[in-house]
C-alpha cells in the first residue's frame, strides 16, 4: 500500500465498497439534474442513505 501498510480482507473489501459507493453517488448526482423536483428529492434521499450508512460504519469502527 502507498502508506506502507497492508490491509486484511475486511479492510480491502471496505475500501472497494467505498469506491463503488462513491461512483454510485457521482452517477446519481449527475442523473438528478435531469429529473423533476419530486424525483430529485428521491435521489437526494438515496444519496443520504448511502452517505449515512458509511458514516455510521466509520463511527462504529472508531468506537472499537
Protein backbone atom coordinates (compact mmCIF):
# COMPACT_ATOMS: atom_id res chain seq x y z
CA UNK A 1 0.00 0.00 0.00
CA UNK A 2 1.09 3.55 -0.63
CA UNK A 3 1.11 4.42 3.07
CA UNK A 4 3.35 1.50 3.97
CA UNK A 5 0.74 -0.80 5.49
CA UNK A 6 -1.29 -3.70 4.32
CA UNK A 7 -4.98 -4.43 4.54
CA UNK A 8 -6.66 -7.60 5.60
CA UNK A 9 -9.58 -8.95 3.58
CA UNK A 10 -12.13 -6.91 5.55
CA UNK A 11 -10.22 -3.65 5.04
CA UNK A 12 -9.79 -4.30 1.33
CA UNK A 13 -13.49 -5.03 0.94
CA UNK A 14 -14.37 -1.85 2.85
CA UNK A 15 -12.21 0.30 0.55
CA UNK A 16 -13.64 -1.40 -2.52
CA UNK A 17 -17.18 -0.74 -1.24
CA UNK A 18 -16.35 2.92 -0.54
CA UNK A 19 -15.02 3.34 -4.08
CA UNK A 20 -18.14 1.73 -5.51
CA UNK A 21 -20.41 3.89 -3.33
CA UNK A 22 -18.53 6.99 -4.48
CA UNK A 23 -19.10 6.04 -8.12
CA UNK A 24 -22.82 5.46 -7.47
CA UNK A 25 -23.15 8.84 -5.74
CA UNK A 26 -21.39 10.60 -8.62
CA UNK A 27 -23.75 8.95 -11.09
CA UNK A 28 -26.84 9.81 -9.03
CA UNK A 29 -25.77 13.45 -8.68
CA UNK A 30 -25.41 13.75 -12.45
CA UNK A 31 -28.65 11.91 -13.11
CA UNK A 32 -30.54 14.07 -10.63
CA UNK A 33 -30.05 17.14 -12.85
CA UNK A 34 -32.33 15.61 -15.48
CA UNK A 35 -35.28 14.97 -13.18
CA UNK A 36 -38.26 16.90 -11.88
CA UNK A 37 -38.31 18.21 -8.29
CA UNK A 38 -40.14 15.24 -6.78
CA UNK A 39 -37.75 12.78 -8.41
CA UNK A 40 -34.75 14.89 -7.39
CA UNK A 41 -35.79 14.57 -3.76
CA UNK A 42 -35.94 10.78 -4.04
CA UNK A 43 -32.42 10.70 -5.47
CA UNK A 44 -31.22 13.05 -2.72
CA UNK A 45 -32.76 10.69 -0.16
CA UNK A 46 -30.97 7.71 -1.72
CA UNK A 47 -27.65 9.58 -1.62
CA UNK A 48 -28.26 10.43 2.04
CA UNK A 49 -28.90 6.79 2.86
CA UNK A 50 -25.60 5.75 1.28
CA UNK A 51 -23.61 8.52 2.99
CA UNK A 52 -25.24 7.87 6.36
CA UNK A 53 -24.53 4.15 6.10
CA UNK A 54 -20.81 4.65 5.55
CA UNK A 55 -20.64 7.47 8.11
CA UNK A 56 -22.26 5.21 10.71
CA UNK A 57 -19.89 2.39 9.75
CA UNK A 58 -16.92 4.72 10.29
CA UNK A 59 -18.22 5.83 13.72
CA UNK A 60 -18.67 2.18 14.73
CA UNK A 61 -15.09 1.49 13.61
CA UNK A 62 -13.74 4.31 15.76
CA UNK A 63 -15.58 3.01 18.85
CA UNK A 64 -13.90 -0.41 18.61
